[in-house]
PDB file of N, CA and C in Angstrom:
ATOM      1  N   UNK A   1      11.899 203.808 121.947  1.00  0.00           N
ATOM      2  CA  UNK A   1      13.200 202.876 121.281  1.00  0.00           C
ATOM      3  C   UNK A   1      13.560 202.278 122.448  1.00  0.00           C
ATOM      4  N   UNK A   2      14.421 201.044 122.520  1.00  0.00           N
ATOM      5  CA  UNK A   2      15.092 200.781 123.630  1.00  0.00           C
ATOM      6  C   UNK A   2      16.981 200.308 122.984  1.00  0.00           C
ATOM      7  N   UNK A   3      17.345 200.446 124.354  1.00  0.00           N
ATOM      8  CA  UNK A   3      18.928 200.361 123.732  1.00  0.00           C
ATOM      9  C   UNK A   3      19.253 199.297 124.800  1.00  0.00           C
ATOM     10  N   UNK A   4      20.069 198.623 124.961  1.00  0.00           N
ATOM     11  CA  UNK A   4      21.120 197.454 125.788  1.00  0.00           C
ATOM     12  C   UNK A   4      22.312 198.499 126.168  1.00  0.00           C
ATOM     13  N   UNK A   5      21.903 198.809 127.640  1.00  0.00           N
ATOM     14  CA  UNK A   5      22.999 199.051 128.311  1.00  0.00           C
ATOM     15  C   UNK A   5      23.709 198.236 129.392  1.00  0.00           C
ATOM     16  N   UNK A   6      25.396 198.700 129.784  1.00  0.00           N
ATOM     17  CA  UNK A   6      26.278 197.617 130.940  1.00  0.00           C
ATOM     18  C   UNK A   6      26.277 198.219 131.976  1.00  0.00           C
ATOM     19  N   UNK A   7      25.544 197.745 133.291  1.00  0.00           N
ATOM     20  CA  UNK A   7      25.623 198.016 134.777  1.00  0.00           C
ATOM     21  C   UNK A   7      26.639 197.374 135.323  1.00  0.00           C
ATOM     22  N   UNK A   8      26.766 197.659 136.399  1.00  0.00           N
ATOM     23  CA  UNK A   8      27.600 196.764 137.329  1.00  0.00           C
ATOM     24  C   UNK A   8      27.057 195.573 137.435  1.00  0.00           C
ATOM     25  N   UNK A   9      25.923 195.713 137.522  1.00  0.00           N
ATOM     26  CA  UNK A   9      24.932 194.256 138.015  1.00  0.00           C
ATOM     27  C   UNK A   9      24.793 193.508 136.878  1.00  0.00           C
ATOM     28  N   UNK A  10      25.104 194.026 135.695  1.00  0.00           N
ATOM     29  CA  UNK A  10      24.819 193.216 134.201  1.00  0.00           C
ATOM     30  C   UNK A  10      24.107 194.262 133.135  1.00  0.00           C
ATOM     31  N   UNK A  11      23.032 193.327 132.224  1.00  0.00           N
ATOM     32  CA  UNK A  11      23.013 194.317 131.084  1.00  0.00           C
ATOM     33  C   UNK A  11      21.379 194.572 131.138  1.00  0.00           C
ATOM     34  N   UNK A  12      20.811 195.689 131.011  1.00  0.00           N
ATOM     35  CA  UNK A  12      19.783 196.325 131.332  1.00  0.00           C
ATOM     36  C   UNK A  12      18.966 196.194 129.802  1.00  0.00           C
ATOM     37  N   UNK A  13      17.822 196.838 129.674  1.00  0.00           N
ATOM     38  CA  UNK A  13      17.483 197.446 128.295  1.00  0.00           C
ATOM     39  C   UNK A  13      16.505 198.623 128.655  1.00  0.00           C
ATOM     40  N   UNK A  14      17.432 199.615 128.058  1.00  0.00           N
ATOM     41  CA  UNK A  14      16.637 201.451 128.726  1.00  0.00           C
ATOM     42  C   UNK A  14      15.415 201.409 127.667  1.00  0.00           C
ATOM     43  N   UNK A  15      14.395 201.664 128.058  1.00  0.00           N
ATOM     44  CA  UNK A  15      13.364 202.347 127.068  1.00  0.00           C
ATOM     45  C   UNK A  15      13.732 203.724 127.432  1.00  0.00           C
ATOM     46  N   UNK A  16      14.023 203.958 125.834  1.00  0.00           N
ATOM     47  CA  UNK A  16      14.719 205.877 126.097  1.00  0.00           C
ATOM     48  C   UNK A  16      13.385 206.675 126.122  1.00  0.00           C
ATOM     49  N   UNK A  17      12.079 206.408 125.707  1.00  0.00           N
ATOM     50  CA  UNK A  17      11.129 206.909 126.006  1.00  0.00           C
ATOM     51  C   UNK A  17      10.269 206.977 127.010  1.00  0.00           C
ATOM     52  N   UNK A  18      10.682 206.197 128.238  1.00  0.00           N
ATOM     53  CA  UNK A  18       9.722 206.099 129.472  1.00  0.00           C
ATOM     54  C   UNK A  18      11.207 205.954 130.304  1.00  0.00           C
ATOM     55  N   UNK A  19      10.348 205.725 131.824  1.00  0.00           N
ATOM     56  CA  UNK A  19      11.144 205.577 132.858  1.00  0.00           C
ATOM     57  C   UNK A  19      11.860 204.344 132.749  1.00  0.00           C
ATOM     58  N   UNK A  20      10.789 203.615 132.633  1.00  0.00           N
ATOM     59  CA  UNK A  20      11.121 202.088 132.983  1.00  0.00           C
ATOM     60  C   UNK A  20      11.807 201.496 132.597  1.00  0.00           C
ATOM     61  N   UNK A  21      12.528 200.357 132.985  1.00  0.00           N
ATOM     62  CA  UNK A  21      13.334 199.420 131.854  1.00  0.00           C
ATOM     63  C   UNK A  21      12.510 198.254 131.551  1.00  0.00           C
ATOM     64  N   UNK A  22      12.879 197.338 129.959  1.00  0.00           N
ATOM     65  CA  UNK A  22      12.144 196.313 129.844  1.00  0.00           C
ATOM     66  C   UNK A  22      12.165 195.476 131.271  1.00  0.00           C
ATOM     67  N   UNK A  23      11.494 194.447 131.188  1.00  0.00           N
ATOM     68  CA  UNK A  23      11.689 193.161 131.985  1.00  0.00           C
ATOM     69  C   UNK A  23      10.955 191.865 131.344  1.00  0.00           C
ATOM     70  N   UNK A  24      11.270 191.083 132.043  1.00  0.00           N
ATOM     71  CA  UNK A  24      10.881 189.601 131.271  1.00  0.00           C
ATOM     72  C   UNK A  24       9.786 189.432 132.237  1.00  0.00           C
ATOM     73  N   UNK A  25       8.897 188.506 132.012  1.00  0.00           N
ATOM     74  CA  UNK A  25       7.864 187.701 132.792  1.00  0.00           C
ATOM     75  C   UNK A  25       8.117 187.752 134.031  1.00  0.00           C
ATOM     76  N   UNK A  26       8.701 187.800 134.609  1.00  0.00           N
ATOM     77  CA  UNK A  26       9.186 187.675 136.339  1.00  0.00           C
ATOM     78  C   UNK A  26       9.209 189.339 137.056  1.00  0.00           C
ATOM     79  N   UNK A  27       9.436 189.959 136.172  1.00  0.00           N
ATOM     80  CA  UNK A  27       9.755 191.167 136.700  1.00  0.00           C
ATOM     81  C   UNK A  27      10.860 191.473 136.436  1.00  0.00           C
ATOM     82  N   UNK A  28      11.751 190.513 135.950  1.00  0.00           N
ATOM     83  CA  UNK A  28      13.645 190.823 136.435  1.00  0.00           C
ATOM     84  C   UNK A  28      13.901 191.691 134.698  1.00  0.00           C
ATOM     85  N   UNK A  29      14.801 192.950 135.409  1.00  0.00           N
ATOM     86  CA  UNK A  29      15.064 193.965 134.401  1.00  0.00           C
ATOM     87  C   UNK A  29      16.750 193.788 134.227  1.00  0.00           C
ATOM     88  N   UNK A  30      17.388 192.635 134.889  1.00  0.00           N
ATOM     89  CA  UNK A  30      18.613 192.631 134.817  1.00  0.00           C
ATOM     90  C   UNK A  30      19.314 191.303 134.541  1.00  0.00           C
ATOM     91  N   UNK A  31      19.731 191.599 133.215  1.00  0.00           N
ATOM     92  CA  UNK A  31      20.149 190.069 132.714  1.00  0.00           C
ATOM     93  C   UNK A  31      21.584 189.491 132.556  1.00  0.00           C
ATOM     94  N   UNK A  32      22.096 188.435 132.741  1.00  0.00           N
ATOM     95  CA  UNK A  32      23.494 188.459 133.120  1.00  0.00           C
ATOM     96  C   UNK A  32      24.296 188.027 132.169  1.00  0.00           C
ATOM     97  N   UNK A  33      23.916 188.223 130.443  1.00  0.00           N
ATOM     98  CA  UNK A  33      24.348 188.137 129.526  1.00  0.00           C
ATOM     99  C   UNK A  33      23.908 189.081 128.415  1.00  0.00           C
ATOM    100  N   UNK A  34      24.935 189.448 127.641  1.00  0.00           N
ATOM    101  CA  UNK A  34      24.366 190.107 126.563  1.00  0.00           C
ATOM    102  C   UNK A  34      23.207 189.483 125.455  1.00  0.00           C
ATOM    103  N   UNK A  35      23.631 188.055 125.167  1.00  0.00           N
ATOM    104  CA  UNK A  35      22.530 187.300 124.800  1.00  0.00           C
ATOM    105  C   UNK A  35      21.115 187.286 125.170  1.00  0.00           C
ATOM    106  N   UNK A  36      21.103 187.006 126.533  1.00  0.00           N
ATOM    107  CA  UNK A  36      19.686 187.182 127.703  1.00  0.00           C
ATOM    108  C   UNK A  36      19.209 188.574 127.310  1.00  0.00           C
ATOM    109  N   UNK A  37      19.894 189.678 127.305  1.00  0.00           N
ATOM    110  CA  UNK A  37      19.504 191.032 126.963  1.00  0.00           C
ATOM    111  C   UNK A  37      19.006 191.523 125.757  1.00  0.00           C
ATOM    112  N   UNK A  38      19.832 190.535 124.645  1.00  0.00           N
ATOM    113  CA  UNK A  38      19.134 190.911 123.122  1.00  0.00           C
ATOM    114  C   UNK A  38      18.122 190.051 123.254  1.00  0.00           C
ATOM    115  N   UNK A  39      17.893 189.143 123.676  1.00  0.00           N
ATOM    116  CA  UNK A  39      16.556 188.174 123.597  1.00  0.00           C
ATOM    117  C   UNK A  39      15.668 188.870 124.262  1.00  0.00           C
ATOM    118  N   UNK A  40      15.435 189.812 125.012  1.00  0.00           N
ATOM    119  CA  UNK A  40      14.656 190.831 125.975  1.00  0.00           C
ATOM    120  C   UNK A  40      14.015 191.884 125.224  1.00  0.00           C
ATOM    121  N   UNK A  41      15.346 192.472 124.456  1.00  0.00           N
ATOM    122  CA  UNK A  41      15.089 193.402 123.489  1.00  0.00           C
ATOM    123  C   UNK A  41      14.251 193.298 122.531  1.00  0.00           C
ATOM    124  N   UNK A  42      14.453 192.182 121.624  1.00  0.00           N
ATOM    125  CA  UNK A  42      13.381 191.389 121.136  1.00  0.00           C
ATOM    126  C   UNK A  42      12.128 191.693 121.520  1.00  0.00           C
ATOM    127  N   UNK A  43      11.906 190.842 122.364  1.00  0.00           N
ATOM    128  CA  UNK A  43      10.839 190.913 123.239  1.00  0.00           C
ATOM    129  C   UNK A  43       9.963 192.000 123.470  1.00  0.00           C
ATOM    130  N   UNK A  44      10.811 192.850 123.595  1.00  0.00           N
ATOM    131  CA  UNK A  44      10.050 194.460 124.179  1.00  0.00           C
ATOM    132  C   UNK A  44      10.090 195.175 122.678  1.00  0.00           C
ATOM    133  N   UNK A  45      10.478 194.730 122.090  1.00  0.00           N
ATOM    134  CA  UNK A  45      10.104 195.453 120.327  1.00  0.00           C
ATOM    135  C   UNK A  45       9.070 194.666 119.965  1.00  0.00           C
ATOM    136  N   UNK A  46       8.825 193.422 119.831  1.00  0.00           N
ATOM    137  CA  UNK A  46       7.120 192.805 119.895  1.00  0.00           C
ATOM    138  C   UNK A  46       6.525 193.420 120.320  1.00  0.00           C
ATOM    139  N   UNK A  47       6.214 193.609 121.523  1.00  0.00           N
ATOM    140  CA  UNK A  47       5.542 193.843 122.339  1.00  0.00           C
ATOM    141  C   UNK A  47       5.107 195.317 122.125  1.00  0.00           C
ATOM    142  N   UNK A  48       5.644 196.161 121.560  1.00  0.00           N
ATOM    143  CA  UNK A  48       5.489 197.770 121.156  1.00  0.00           C
ATOM    144  C   UNK A  48       4.721 197.345 119.825  1.00  0.00           C
ATOM    145  N   UNK A  49       5.215 196.589 118.999  1.00  0.00           N
ATOM    146  CA  UNK A  49       4.397 196.135 117.796  1.00  0.00           C
ATOM    147  C   UNK A  49       2.898 195.940 117.919  1.00  0.00           C
ATOM    148  N   UNK A  50       2.786 195.126 118.949  1.00  0.00           N
ATOM    149  CA  UNK A  50       1.314 194.392 119.076  1.00  0.00           C
ATOM    150  C   UNK A  50       0.579 195.558 119.853  1.00  0.00           C
ATOM    151  N   UNK A  51       1.178 196.231 120.661  1.00  0.00           N
ATOM    152  CA  UNK A  51       0.627 197.427 121.333  1.00  0.00           C
ATOM    153  C   UNK A  51       0.330 198.498 120.031  1.00  0.00           C
ATOM    154  N   UNK A  52       0.989 198.659 119.175  1.00  0.00           N
ATOM    155  CA  UNK A  52       0.698 199.747 117.965  1.00  0.00           C
ATOM    156  C   UNK A  52      -0.098 199.220 117.136  1.00  0.00           C
ATOM    157  N   UNK A  53      -0.091 197.912 116.794  1.00  0.00           N
ATOM    158  CA  UNK A  53      -1.224 197.110 116.059  1.00  0.00           C
ATOM    159  C   UNK A  53      -2.695 197.034 116.661  1.00  0.00           C
ATOM    160  N   UNK A  54      -2.801 197.154 117.576  1.00  0.00           N
ATOM    161  CA  UNK A  54      -4.094 196.475 118.361  1.00  0.00           C
ATOM    162  C   UNK A  54      -4.530 198.381 118.986  1.00  0.00           C
ATOM    163  N   UNK A  55      -3.659 199.506 118.994  1.00  0.00           N
ATOM    164  CA  UNK A  55      -4.347 200.934 118.855  1.00  0.00           C
ATOM    165  C   UNK A  55      -4.831 201.401 117.234  1.00  0.00           C
ATOM    166  N   UNK A  56      -4.391 200.618 116.348  1.00  0.00           N
ATOM    167  CA  UNK A  56      -5.106 200.791 115.232  1.00  0.00           C
ATOM    168  C   UNK A  56      -5.733 200.062 114.824  1.00  0.00           C
ATOM    169  N   UNK A  57      -5.994 199.114 115.150  1.00  0.00           N
ATOM    170  CA  UNK A  57      -7.147 198.033 115.093  1.00  0.00           C
ATOM    171  C   UNK A  57      -8.596 198.723 115.599  1.00  0.00           C
ATOM    172  N   UNK A  58      -8.244 199.080 117.084  1.00  0.00           N
ATOM    173  CA  UNK A  58      -9.247 199.844 118.119  1.00  0.00           C
ATOM    174  C   UNK A  58     -10.052 200.835 117.252  1.00  0.00           C
ATOM    175  N   UNK A  59      -8.845 201.946 116.901  1.00  0.00           N
ATOM    176  CA  UNK A  59      -9.296 203.201 115.791  1.00  0.00           C
ATOM    177  C   UNK A  59     -10.041 202.493 114.406  1.00  0.00           C
ATOM    178  N   UNK A  60      -9.913 201.612 113.972  1.00  0.00           N
ATOM    179  CA  UNK A  60     -10.261 201.299 112.575  1.00  0.00           C
ATOM    180  C   UNK A  60      -9.851 201.589 111.787  1.00  0.00           C
ATOM    181  N   UNK A  61      -8.306 202.067 112.051  1.00  0.00           N
ATOM    182  CA  UNK A  61      -7.706 202.528 110.751  1.00  0.00           C
ATOM    183  C   UNK A  61      -6.643 201.420 110.039  1.00  0.00           C
ATOM    184  N   UNK A  62      -7.642 201.253 108.913  1.00  0.00           N
ATOM    185  CA  UNK A  62      -7.056 200.093 108.367  1.00  0.00           C
ATOM    186  C   UNK A  62      -5.529 200.476 107.595  1.00  0.00           C
ATOM    187  N   UNK A  63      -5.510 201.527 107.126  1.00  0.00           N
ATOM    188  CA  UNK A  63      -4.340 202.081 106.680  1.00  0.00           C
ATOM    189  C   UNK A  63      -3.175 201.920 107.236  1.00  0.00           C
ATOM    190  N   UNK A  64      -3.714 202.455 108.386  1.00  0.00           N
ATOM    191  CA  UNK A  64      -2.229 202.101 109.386  1.00  0.00           C
ATOM    192  C   UNK A  64      -1.931 200.951 109.952  1.00  0.00           C
ATOM    193  N   UNK A  65      -2.803 200.278 110.046  1.00  0.00           N
ATOM    194  CA  UNK A  65      -2.752 198.283 110.482  1.00  0.00           C
ATOM    195  C   UNK A  65      -2.117 197.864 109.284  1.00  0.00           C
ATOM    196  N   UNK A  66      -2.473 198.215 108.005  1.00  0.00           N
ATOM    197  CA  UNK A  66      -1.603 197.618 106.940  1.00  0.00           C
ATOM    198  C   UNK A  66      -0.369 198.348 106.864  1.00  0.00           C
ATOM    199  N   UNK A  67       0.155 199.170 106.709  1.00  0.00           N
ATOM    200  CA  UNK A  67       1.460 199.957 107.171  1.00  0.00           C
ATOM    201  C   UNK A  67       2.298 198.910 108.307  1.00  0.00           C
ATOM    202  N   UNK A  68       1.812 198.835 109.321  1.00  0.00           N
ATOM    203  CA  UNK A  68       2.414 198.589 110.491  1.00  0.00           C
ATOM    204  C   UNK A  68       2.702 196.847 110.124  1.00  0.00           C
ATOM    205  N   UNK A  69       1.752 196.062 110.108  1.00  0.00           N
ATOM    206  CA  UNK A  69       1.818 195.049 109.629  1.00  0.00           C
ATOM    207  C   UNK A  69       2.726 194.554 108.430  1.00  0.00           C
ATOM    208  N   UNK A  70       3.171 195.349 107.625  1.00  0.00           N
ATOM    209  CA  UNK A  70       3.941 195.085 106.588  1.00  0.00           C
ATOM    210  C   UNK A  70       5.216 195.632 106.970  1.00  0.00           C
ATOM    211  N   UNK A  71       5.250 196.683 107.991  1.00  0.00           N
ATOM    212  CA  UNK A  71       6.605 197.248 108.644  1.00  0.00           C
ATOM    213  C   UNK A  71       6.996 195.891 109.400  1.00  0.00           C
ATOM    214  N   UNK A  72       6.522 195.544 110.208  1.00  0.00           N
ATOM    215  CA  UNK A  72       6.618 194.278 111.419  1.00  0.00           C
ATOM    216  C   UNK A  72       7.153 193.473 111.110  1.00  0.00           C
ATOM    217  N   UNK A  73       6.515 192.895 109.680  1.00  0.00           N
ATOM    218  CA  UNK A  73       6.774 191.731 108.886  1.00  0.00           C
ATOM    219  C   UNK A  73       8.527 191.579 108.351  1.00  0.00           C
ATOM    220  N   UNK A  74       8.439 193.124 107.844  1.00  0.00           N
ATOM    221  CA  UNK A  74       9.915 193.506 107.292  1.00  0.00           C
ATOM    222  C   UNK A  74      10.874 193.084 108.472  1.00  0.00           C
ATOM    223  N   UNK A  75      10.899 193.496 109.785  1.00  0.00           N
ATOM    224  CA  UNK A  75      11.486 193.866 110.896  1.00  0.00           C
ATOM    225  C   UNK A  75      11.658 192.586 111.467  1.00  0.00           C
ATOM    226  N   UNK A  76      10.765 191.876 112.068  1.00  0.00           N
ATOM    227  CA  UNK A  76      10.628 190.549 112.489  1.00  0.00           C
ATOM    228  C   UNK A  76      10.107 189.256 111.902  1.00  0.00           C
ATOM    229  N   UNK A  77       9.751 189.071 110.737  1.00  0.00           N
ATOM    230  CA  UNK A  77       9.511 188.062 110.177  1.00  0.00           C
ATOM    231  C   UNK A  77      10.423 186.925 109.496  1.00  0.00           C
ATOM    232  N   UNK A  78      11.827 187.466 109.364  1.00  0.00           N
ATOM    233  CA  UNK A  78      12.783 186.501 108.560  1.00  0.00           C
ATOM    234  C   UNK A  78      13.741 185.960 110.327  1.00  0.00           C
ATOM    235  N   UNK A  79      13.276 186.602 111.390  1.00  0.00           N
ATOM    236  CA  UNK A  79      14.316 186.253 112.418  1.00  0.00           C
ATOM    237  C   UNK A  79      13.831 184.605 113.065  1.00  0.00           C
ATOM    238  N   UNK A  80      15.234 184.237 113.041  1.00  0.00           N
ATOM    239  CA  UNK A  80      14.908 182.874 113.845  1.00  0.00           C
ATOM    240  C   UNK A  80      15.256 182.641 114.790  1.00  0.00           C
ATOM    241  N   UNK A  81      14.434 182.164 115.698  1.00  0.00           N
ATOM    242  CA  UNK A  81      14.251 181.898 117.471  1.00  0.00           C
ATOM    243  C   UNK A  81      14.894 180.638 117.555  1.00  0.00           C
ATOM    244  N   UNK A  82      16.314 180.911 117.696  1.00  0.00           N
ATOM    245  CA  UNK A  82      17.102 180.015 118.252  1.00  0.00           C
ATOM    246  C   UNK A  82      17.371 179.642 119.697  1.00  0.00           C
ATOM    247  N   UNK A  83      17.881 178.754 120.038  1.00  0.00           N
ATOM    248  CA  UNK A  83      18.501 178.327 121.633  1.00  0.00           C
ATOM    249  C   UNK A  83      17.247 178.099 122.145  1.00  0.00           C
TER     250      UNK A  83
END
């Protein structure tokens, strides 16, 4: 689970189950605006979704794959990617 936190340097995405902060493709984990942080939050959640699906596919767990696919479609399927 992730949450956006405000620091003196900007906004960060805290991973509440790990010790690392979510980061962009350049390794940056501090963002100037709340909008940038929210976009990174969305990306972090999608990355986790892909990881979970991959693990279920590797294990051959068709029921979990179907469940996760439906859940992630509900969570991410209707989100507009604007800007």
